[in-house]
Protein backbone atom coordinates (compact mmCIF):
# COMPACT_ATOMS: atom_id res chain seq x y z
CA MET A 1 -14.18 57.54 -15.84
CA GLU A 2 -11.75 59.55 -18.18
CA ARG A 3 -12.04 61.10 -21.39
CA PHE A 4 -8.42 61.58 -23.55
CA ALA A 5 -8.22 64.11 -26.33
CA ASN A 6 -8.84 61.37 -29.19
CA GLY A 7 -12.42 61.35 -27.40
CA ARG A 8 -12.39 57.81 -26.10
CA ASP A 9 -13.44 56.73 -23.17
CA MET A 10 -11.52 54.30 -21.08
CA LYS A 11 -12.83 53.31 -17.49
CA ILE A 12 -10.65 53.01 -14.34
CA HIS A 13 -11.51 49.82 -12.76
CA ALA A 14 -10.91 49.77 -8.79
CA LEU A 15 -8.07 46.25 -7.76
CA SER A 16 -9.97 44.87 -4.19
CA PRO A 17 -7.61 44.07 -1.02
CA THR A 18 -8.67 40.37 -2.64
CA TYR A 19 -6.28 40.66 -5.37
CA PHE A 20 -3.64 41.82 -3.56
CA MET A 21 -4.14 39.06 -0.69
CA VAL A 22 -3.79 36.51 -3.25
CA GLY A 23 -0.99 37.66 -5.27
CA SER A 24 1.16 37.98 -1.59
CA LEU A 25 0.26 34.23 -1.55
CA LEU A 26 1.61 33.35 -4.70
CA GLY A 27 4.44 35.38 -4.57
CA PHE A 28 5.58 33.60 -0.52
CA ALA A 29 4.78 30.06 -2.41
CA LEU A 30 6.95 30.49 -4.99
CA LEU A 31 9.53 31.92 -2.70
CA ALA A 32 9.52 29.47 0.08
CA GLY A 33 9.34 26.52 -3.24
CA CYS A 34 12.76 27.99 -4.87
CA ALA A 35 14.70 27.78 -1.61
CA GLY A 36 16.09 24.39 -1.33
CA PRO A 37 18.16 22.39 1.50
CA ARG A 38 18.28 24.41 4.27
CA ALA A 39 20.90 24.10 6.77
CA VAL A 40 19.99 22.61 10.16
CA ARG A 41 21.57 20.73 13.57
CA GLY A 42 21.54 16.35 14.15
CA ALA A 43 20.34 17.39 17.61
CA ASP A 44 17.80 19.61 16.83
CA THR A 45 16.85 17.10 13.61
CA PRO A 46 15.81 13.62 15.62
CA GLY A 47 17.82 10.33 13.20
CA LEU A 48 19.37 13.02 11.38
CA ASP A 49 23.44 11.10 12.41
CA ASN A 50 21.67 7.70 11.95
CA ALA A 51 19.87 8.12 8.93
CA PRO A 52 22.23 6.82 5.75
CA MET A 53 23.23 9.51 2.62
CA SER A 54 24.70 7.08 0.59
CA THR A 55 27.04 4.02 0.71
CA SER A 56 29.82 5.18 1.62
CA LEU A 57 31.45 4.81 4.88
CA ASP A 58 29.90 7.93 7.64
CA ARG A 59 30.47 8.25 11.70
CA LYS A 60 28.01 6.29 12.56
CA ASP A 61 29.56 3.43 11.02
CA LEU A 62 32.87 3.55 12.14
CA GLU A 63 31.61 4.07 15.62
CA LYS A 64 29.89 0.89 15.11
CA ALA A 65 33.07 -1.28 13.71
CA LEU A 66 35.02 0.86 16.99
CA LYS A 67 32.41 -0.47 19.45
CA ILE A 68 32.36 -3.89 17.98
CA SER A 69 36.51 -4.27 17.93
CA MET A 70 36.51 -2.14 21.48
CA GLU A 71 34.08 -4.63 22.85
CA ALA A 72 36.57 -7.90 21.57
CA LEU A 73 39.76 -5.95 23.69
CA ARG A 74 37.56 -5.26 26.59
CA THR A 75 37.91 -9.67 27.09
CA SER A 76 40.52 -10.89 25.15
CA LYS A 77 43.49 -12.05 26.53
CA LEU A 78 45.79 -9.26 25.92
CA MET A 79 44.09 -7.65 28.10
CA ALA A 80 44.17 -9.49 31.37
CA ARG A 81 47.77 -9.62 30.18
CA TRP A 82 47.82 -5.49 30.49
CA GLU A 83 46.34 -6.09 33.31
CA MET A 84 49.56 -8.38 34.64
CA GLU A 85 52.33 -5.34 33.85
CA ASN A 86 53.42 -2.37 34.83
CA ASP A 87 51.87 0.83 33.16
CA PRO A 88 52.48 -1.24 29.80
CA THR A 89 53.01 1.57 26.60
CA VAL A 90 51.28 1.17 23.75
CA GLY A 91 51.02 3.38 20.65
CA VAL A 92 48.00 3.37 17.86
CA LEU A 93 49.89 4.07 14.65
CA PRO A 94 46.96 5.83 11.23
CA ILE A 95 44.16 3.03 10.16
CA ARG A 96 45.06 2.58 6.50
CA ASN A 97 42.57 3.01 4.05
CA GLU A 98 42.22 0.61 2.04
CA THR A 99 39.15 1.37 0.40
CA SER A 100 38.33 4.12 -3.00
CA GLU A 101 36.18 6.08 -0.42
CA HIS A 102 37.75 10.02 1.44
CA ILE A 103 37.72 9.06 4.48
CA ASP A 104 40.97 10.05 5.92
CA SER A 105 40.06 12.72 8.35
CA ALA A 106 37.11 10.25 9.72
CA LEU A 107 40.31 7.63 10.22
CA ASN A 108 42.61 9.91 11.96
CA ALA A 109 39.69 10.64 14.45
CA LEU A 110 39.13 6.86 15.11
CA MET A 111 42.63 6.37 15.92
CA THR A 112 42.51 9.59 17.82
CA GLU A 113 38.73 7.63 19.54
CA ILE A 114 40.86 4.48 19.31
CA GLU A 115 43.72 6.28 21.41
CA SER A 116 41.23 7.97 24.15
CA GLN A 117 39.22 4.51 24.91
CA LEU A 118 42.48 3.39 25.52
CA ILE A 119 43.31 5.40 27.76
CA ASN A 120 39.25 5.70 29.59
CA PHE A 121 39.00 1.48 29.71
CA ALA A 122 42.83 -0.16 29.24
CA PRO A 123 45.56 -0.45 31.83
CA VAL A 124 48.13 1.14 29.90
CA ARG A 125 50.01 4.43 29.11
CA VAL A 126 49.42 5.60 25.46
CA ILE A 127 52.48 7.68 23.54
CA SER A 128 50.78 10.00 21.12
CA LEU A 129 51.77 9.24 17.69
CA GLU A 130 51.06 13.32 16.34
CA ASP A 131 54.28 14.58 18.11
CA GLN A 132 56.14 12.66 16.33
CA GLY A 133 55.76 14.14 13.11
CA SER A 134 59.08 12.77 10.64
CA LEU A 135 58.12 9.25 12.02
CA ILE A 136 53.30 9.91 10.97
CA GLU A 137 55.12 11.10 7.41
CA GLU A 138 56.68 8.18 7.21
CA ILE A 139 54.00 5.92 7.91
CA ARG A 140 51.76 7.83 6.44
CA GLN A 141 53.91 7.48 3.21
CA GLN A 142 54.38 3.38 3.61
CA GLN A 143 50.74 3.79 4.33
CA GLU A 144 49.96 5.30 0.43
CA ASN A 145 52.92 2.92 -1.17
CA SER A 146 51.24 -0.59 -2.35
CA ALA A 147 54.76 -2.01 -1.24
CA TYR A 148 53.75 -1.49 3.00
CA ASP A 149 55.67 -3.49 4.78
CA GLN A 150 54.25 -4.73 7.93
CA ALA A 151 57.25 -5.42 9.77
CA ASN A 152 58.32 -1.65 9.76
CA ILE A 153 54.93 -1.90 12.73
CA ALA A 154 58.29 -3.05 15.38
CA ARG A 155 60.37 -0.38 13.80
CA TRP A 156 57.59 2.31 14.23
CA GLY A 157 57.63 0.94 17.66
CA LYS A 158 60.95 1.01 18.74
CA GLN A 159 61.15 4.17 17.87
CA MET A 160 57.66 5.63 19.65
CA GLY A 161 59.15 3.84 22.70
CA VAL A 162 56.36 1.88 22.99
CA ARG A 163 56.16 -1.80 24.07
CA TYR A 164 52.83 -2.47 21.58
CA ILE A 165 51.41 -1.14 18.91
CA VAL A 166 47.75 -1.24 17.71
CA SER A 167 47.47 -0.62 14.11
CA GLY A 168 44.79 -1.23 11.41
CA LYS A 169 42.76 -0.69 7.72
CA VAL A 170 39.29 -0.48 5.97
CA PHE A 171 38.83 -2.22 3.44
CA SER A 172 35.55 -3.31 1.22
CA THR A 173 33.36 -5.00 -1.56
CA ASP A 174 31.34 -3.91 -3.98
CA GLU A 175 28.40 -5.61 -5.46
CA ARG A 176 25.86 -3.98 -7.86
CA THR A 177 23.15 -4.74 -9.76
CA GLU A 178 20.98 -2.67 -12.47
CA SER A 179 19.00 -1.26 -9.69
CA ALA A 180 20.93 -2.10 -6.76
CA ARG A 181 24.00 -1.47 -4.80
CA ARG A 182 25.62 -3.35 -1.24
CA VAL A 183 29.32 -2.40 -0.08
CA GLN A 184 30.66 -4.25 2.94
CA TYR A 185 33.07 -2.90 4.62
CA TYR A 186 35.46 -4.07 7.31
CA LEU A 187 37.69 -2.79 10.20
CA PHE A 188 40.67 -4.85 11.12
CA ILE A 189 42.02 -3.82 13.81
CA ARG A 190 45.49 -5.45 15.31
CA THR A 191 47.85 -5.18 18.31
CA VAL A 192 51.54 -6.73 18.01
CA ASP A 193 54.37 -6.65 20.99
CA VAL A 194 56.98 -4.72 19.52
CA GLU A 195 59.25 -6.97 21.43
CA THR A 196 58.83 -9.86 19.29
CA GLY A 197 56.30 -9.46 16.87
CA GLU A 198 53.83 -11.72 17.75
CA ILE A 199 50.40 -11.13 16.76
CA LEU A 200 48.45 -10.44 20.64
CA PHE A 201 45.30 -9.65 19.58
CA GLN A 202 43.20 -9.39 16.15
CA ASN A 203 39.20 -8.37 14.99
CA GLN A 204 37.64 -7.77 11.85
CA ALA A 205 34.30 -5.50 12.49
CA PRO A 206 31.93 -5.61 9.32
CA ILE A 207 29.74 -2.87 7.89
CA THR A 208 26.91 -3.04 5.45
CA LYS A 209 25.70 -0.59 3.17
CA ALA A 210 22.76 -0.66 0.46
CA ILE A 211 20.81 1.41 -1.99
CA ILE A 212 17.64 -1.70 -2.54
């Protein structure tokens, strides 16, 4: 007990170790609760790449749609035709985005993946468009223009020096109710003979995303 000058007494209570332990645990709990989202790797988090985050197109969706189209190409009459020719040349145009999604970078990756798959399983020589900067810029500007003319494909193919052109687009339909939303996407792929303009292969792969 300690006595002050005014004569009043004050008791000093010793704080027990238990008091400090409880306080520390509460502090850590509060910090953990305020931490929020944390960064993770897909390889370390099972199912992370498969789980949809929204109704927007993601990499998994595009991979699935492309797989459908490439499997259709493997068994098409066009593949049989290529096997009969002597190293036919093929060029792949940028995939046109006709959705409201900002997926241009994903579609650029998709174009590269189409080139890779053609190189790996088709009896063709793939000519890269990436080395022709002015031409790819013209194509992209045309794709952003509502007056985009499919007839330009033959001209672009000749500028690239290829016999066949692979082109494509992604489009969607969107339905909503008060409590749900469904978006149906379609990856459309076709191959054209540059010399004749004939469509030799055409496929449409559907992908559906929803919030229900």
